[in-house]
């Protein structure tokens, strides 16, 4: 099984969730993160609007999900098709191997725990 870490803009989380649901992924975890990469951030007006401030860091959402090996390619292809606008600031997907998963309540293991 694999863990997907999907980093996207705040306004794209719904599309990620829809794509995962379409691919029969039951659960996901997401949270707000801040960071910087190659993206250029737009100046923001502060105070009464006479001062501009260019942020050093952007606000992102990180989505974490565990999926069966057999579903990874389809999910990644679907996310790329849905999310890509052709910019490096569209986000990132990181894929990790997961040795084991255990559902605490049912004591199921492996893909059945998902």
C-alpha atoms as a PDB file:
ATOM      1  CA  UNK A   1       0.000   0.000   0.000  1.00  0.00           C
ATOM      2  CA  UNK A   2       1.030   3.596  -0.552  1.00  0.00           C
ATOM      3  CA  UNK A   3       0.669   6.897   1.258  1.00  0.00           C
ATOM      4  CA  UNK A   4      -0.069   9.909  -0.929  1.00  0.00           C
ATOM      5  CA  UNK A   5       0.831  13.363   0.361  1.00  0.00           C
ATOM      6  CA  UNK A   6      -0.977  15.855  -1.844  1.00  0.00           C
ATOM      7  CA  UNK A   7      -0.154  19.544  -1.376  1.00  0.00           C
ATOM      8  CA  UNK A   8      -2.586  21.955  -3.053  1.00  0.00           C
ATOM      9  CA  UNK A   9      -4.005  25.450  -2.783  1.00  0.00           C
ATOM     10  CA  UNK A  10      -6.771  25.893  -0.235  1.00  0.00           C
ATOM     11  CA  UNK A  11      -9.440  26.312  -2.918  1.00  0.00           C
ATOM     12  CA  UNK A  12      -8.598  22.952  -4.563  1.00  0.00           C
ATOM     13  CA  UNK A  13      -9.271  20.606  -1.619  1.00  0.00           C
ATOM     14  CA  UNK A  14     -12.816  19.919  -2.798  1.00  0.00           C
ATOM     15  CA  UNK A  15     -11.537  18.743  -6.177  1.00  0.00           C
ATOM     16  CA  UNK A  16      -9.006  16.445  -4.487  1.00  0.00           C
ATOM     17  CA  UNK A  17     -11.737  15.006  -2.274  1.00  0.00           C
ATOM     18  CA  UNK A  18     -14.060  14.484  -5.253  1.00  0.00           C
ATOM     19  CA  UNK A  19     -11.312  12.748  -7.199  1.00  0.00           C
ATOM     20  CA  UNK A  20     -10.467  10.436  -4.287  1.00  0.00           C
ATOM     21  CA  UNK A  21     -14.147   9.633  -3.719  1.00  0.00           C
ATOM     22  CA  UNK A  22     -14.542   8.838  -7.433  1.00  0.00           C
ATOM     23  CA  UNK A  23     -11.693   6.321  -7.048  1.00  0.00           C
ATOM     24  CA  UNK A  24     -13.350   4.637  -4.018  1.00  0.00           C
ATOM     25  CA  UNK A  25     -10.957   6.032  -1.413  1.00  0.00           C
ATOM     26  CA  UNK A  26     -12.873   6.031   1.846  1.00  0.00           C
ATOM     27  CA  UNK A  27     -10.973   8.437   4.043  1.00  0.00           C
ATOM     28  CA  UNK A  28      -8.471  11.239   3.996  1.00  0.00           C
ATOM     29  CA  UNK A  29      -6.790  13.609   6.394  1.00  0.00           C
ATOM     30  CA  UNK A  30      -6.026  17.230   5.575  1.00  0.00           C
ATOM     31  CA  UNK A  31      -4.616  20.200   7.390  1.00  0.00           C
ATOM     32  CA  UNK A  32      -3.313  23.698   6.752  1.00  0.00           C
ATOM     33  CA  UNK A  33       0.384  24.176   6.126  1.00  0.00           C
ATOM     34  CA  UNK A  34       2.602  27.118   5.243  1.00  0.00           C
ATOM     35  CA  UNK A  35       5.702  27.043   3.131  1.00  0.00           C
ATOM     36  CA  UNK A  36       7.585  28.412   0.201  1.00  0.00           C
ATOM     37  CA  UNK A  37       8.708  26.994  -3.086  1.00  0.00           C
ATOM     38  CA  UNK A  38       9.088  28.339  -6.586  1.00  0.00           C
ATOM     39  CA  UNK A  39       5.761  30.225  -6.464  1.00  0.00           C
ATOM     40  CA  UNK A  40       5.784  33.993  -6.640  1.00  0.00           C
ATOM     41  CA  UNK A  41       3.427  35.551  -4.126  1.00  0.00           C
ATOM     42  CA  UNK A  42       1.334  38.573  -4.954  1.00  0.00           C
ATOM     43  CA  UNK A  43       1.747  41.713  -2.826  1.00  0.00           C
ATOM     44  CA  UNK A  44      -1.019  42.229  -0.288  1.00  0.00           C
ATOM     45  CA  UNK A  45      -2.358  45.580   0.898  1.00  0.00           C
ATOM     46  CA  UNK A  46      -2.102  46.040   4.652  1.00  0.00           C
ATOM     47  CA  UNK A  47      -3.386  48.649   7.016  1.00  0.00           C
ATOM     48  CA  UNK A  48      -5.520  51.236   5.276  1.00  0.00           C
ATOM     49  CA  UNK A  49      -4.374  50.030   1.880  1.00  0.00           C
ATOM     50  CA  UNK A  50      -1.429  52.374   1.409  1.00  0.00           C
ATOM     51  CA  UNK A  51       1.253  49.826   2.303  1.00  0.00           C
ATOM     52  CA  UNK A  52       2.068  46.653   0.399  1.00  0.00           C
ATOM     53  CA  UNK A  53       3.535  43.500   1.859  1.00  0.00           C
ATOM     54  CA  UNK A  54       4.770  40.513  -0.149  1.00  0.00           C
ATOM     55  CA  UNK A  55       4.478  37.348   1.938  1.00  0.00           C
ATOM     56  CA  UNK A  56       7.457  35.014   2.251  1.00  0.00           C
ATOM     57  CA  UNK A  57       5.264  31.943   2.660  1.00  0.00           C
ATOM     58  CA  UNK A  58       2.102  30.657   1.043  1.00  0.00           C
ATOM     59  CA  UNK A  59      -0.906  28.947   2.617  1.00  0.00           C
ATOM     60  CA  UNK A  60      -1.477  25.406   1.398  1.00  0.00           C
ATOM     61  CA  UNK A  61      -3.475  22.339   2.329  1.00  0.00           C
ATOM     62  CA  UNK A  62      -1.801  18.972   2.767  1.00  0.00           C
ATOM     63  CA  UNK A  63      -3.996  15.934   2.097  1.00  0.00           C
ATOM     64  CA  UNK A  64      -2.799  12.545   3.361  1.00  0.00           C
ATOM     65  CA  UNK A  65      -4.386   9.321   2.172  1.00  0.00           C
ATOM     66  CA  UNK A  66      -3.515   5.622   2.184  1.00  0.00           C
ATOM     67  CA  UNK A  67      -4.426   3.625  -0.913  1.00  0.00           C
ATOM     68  CA  UNK A  68      -3.936   0.115  -2.242  1.00  0.00           C
ATOM     69  CA  UNK A  69      -1.033  -0.304  -4.669  1.00  0.00           C
ATOM     70  CA  UNK A  70      -3.465  -1.227  -7.435  1.00  0.00           C
ATOM     71  CA  UNK A  71      -5.228   2.166  -7.208  1.00  0.00           C
ATOM     72  CA  UNK A  72      -2.212   4.500  -7.104  1.00  0.00           C
ATOM     73  CA  UNK A  73      -1.693   5.007 -10.840  1.00  0.00           C
ATOM     74  CA  UNK A  74      -5.383   5.674 -11.529  1.00  0.00           C
ATOM     75  CA  UNK A  75      -5.661   8.123  -8.624  1.00  0.00           C
ATOM     76  CA  UNK A  76      -2.497  10.012  -9.579  1.00  0.00           C
ATOM     77  CA  UNK A  77      -3.550  10.198 -13.241  1.00  0.00           C
ATOM     78  CA  UNK A  78      -6.985  11.470 -12.221  1.00  0.00           C
ATOM     79  CA  UNK A  79      -5.494  14.094  -9.877  1.00  0.00           C
ATOM     80  CA  UNK A  80      -3.069  15.292 -12.550  1.00  0.00           C
ATOM     81  CA  UNK A  81      -5.858  15.609 -15.104  1.00  0.00           C
ATOM     82  CA  UNK A  82      -8.179  17.386 -12.660  1.00  0.00           C
ATOM     83  CA  UNK A  83      -5.697  19.649 -10.878  1.00  0.00           C
ATOM     84  CA  UNK A  84      -3.071  20.648 -13.428  1.00  0.00           C
ATOM     85  CA  UNK A  85      -3.157  24.146 -14.868  1.00  0.00           C
ATOM     86  CA  UNK A  86       0.392  23.915 -16.204  1.00  0.00           C
ATOM     87  CA  UNK A  87       2.085  25.834 -13.399  1.00  0.00           C
ATOM     88  CA  UNK A  88       4.662  24.755 -10.814  1.00  0.00           C
ATOM     89  CA  UNK A  89       2.386  26.328  -8.191  1.00  0.00           C
ATOM     90  CA  UNK A  90      -0.398  23.782  -8.859  1.00  0.00           C
ATOM     91  CA  UNK A  91       0.893  21.643  -5.998  1.00  0.00           C
ATOM     92  CA  UNK A  92       2.785  18.408  -5.463  1.00  0.00           C
ATOM     93  CA  UNK A  93       2.073  14.712  -4.963  1.00  0.00           C
ATOM     94  CA  UNK A  94       4.503  12.583  -2.963  1.00  0.00           C
ATOM     95  CA  UNK A  95       4.152   8.792  -2.898  1.00  0.00           C
ATOM     96  CA  UNK A  96       5.547   6.661  -0.060  1.00  0.00           C
ATOM     97  CA  UNK A  97       5.585   2.934   0.629  1.00  0.00           C
ATOM     98  CA  UNK A  98       3.642   1.886   3.736  1.00  0.00           C
ATOM     99  CA  UNK A  99       4.748  -1.321   5.440  1.00  0.00           C
ATOM    100  CA  UNK A 100       1.509  -2.044   7.301  1.00  0.00           C
ATOM    101  CA  UNK A 101      -1.826  -0.566   8.339  1.00  0.00           C
ATOM    102  CA  UNK A 102      -3.932  -1.748  11.265  1.00  0.00           C
ATOM    103  CA  UNK A 103      -7.492  -0.705  12.076  1.00  0.00           C
ATOM    104  CA  UNK A 104      -7.545  -0.417  15.868  1.00  0.00           C
ATOM    105  CA  UNK A 105     -11.274  -1.091  16.233  1.00  0.00           C
ATOM    106  CA  UNK A 106     -11.678  -4.064  13.890  1.00  0.00           C
ATOM    107  CA  UNK A 107      -8.067  -5.279  14.110  1.00  0.00           C
ATOM    108  CA  UNK A 108      -8.035  -5.673  10.313  1.00  0.00           C
ATOM    109  CA  UNK A 109      -4.636  -5.315   8.653  1.00  0.00           C
ATOM    110  CA  UNK A 110      -3.247  -4.403   5.256  1.00  0.00           C
ATOM    111  CA  UNK A 111      -5.548  -3.182   2.485  1.00  0.00           C
ATOM    112  CA  UNK A 112      -8.638  -4.368   4.390  1.00  0.00           C
ATOM    113  CA  UNK A 113      -7.815  -1.842   7.140  1.00  0.00           C
ATOM    114  CA  UNK A 114      -8.273   0.969   4.644  1.00  0.00           C
END
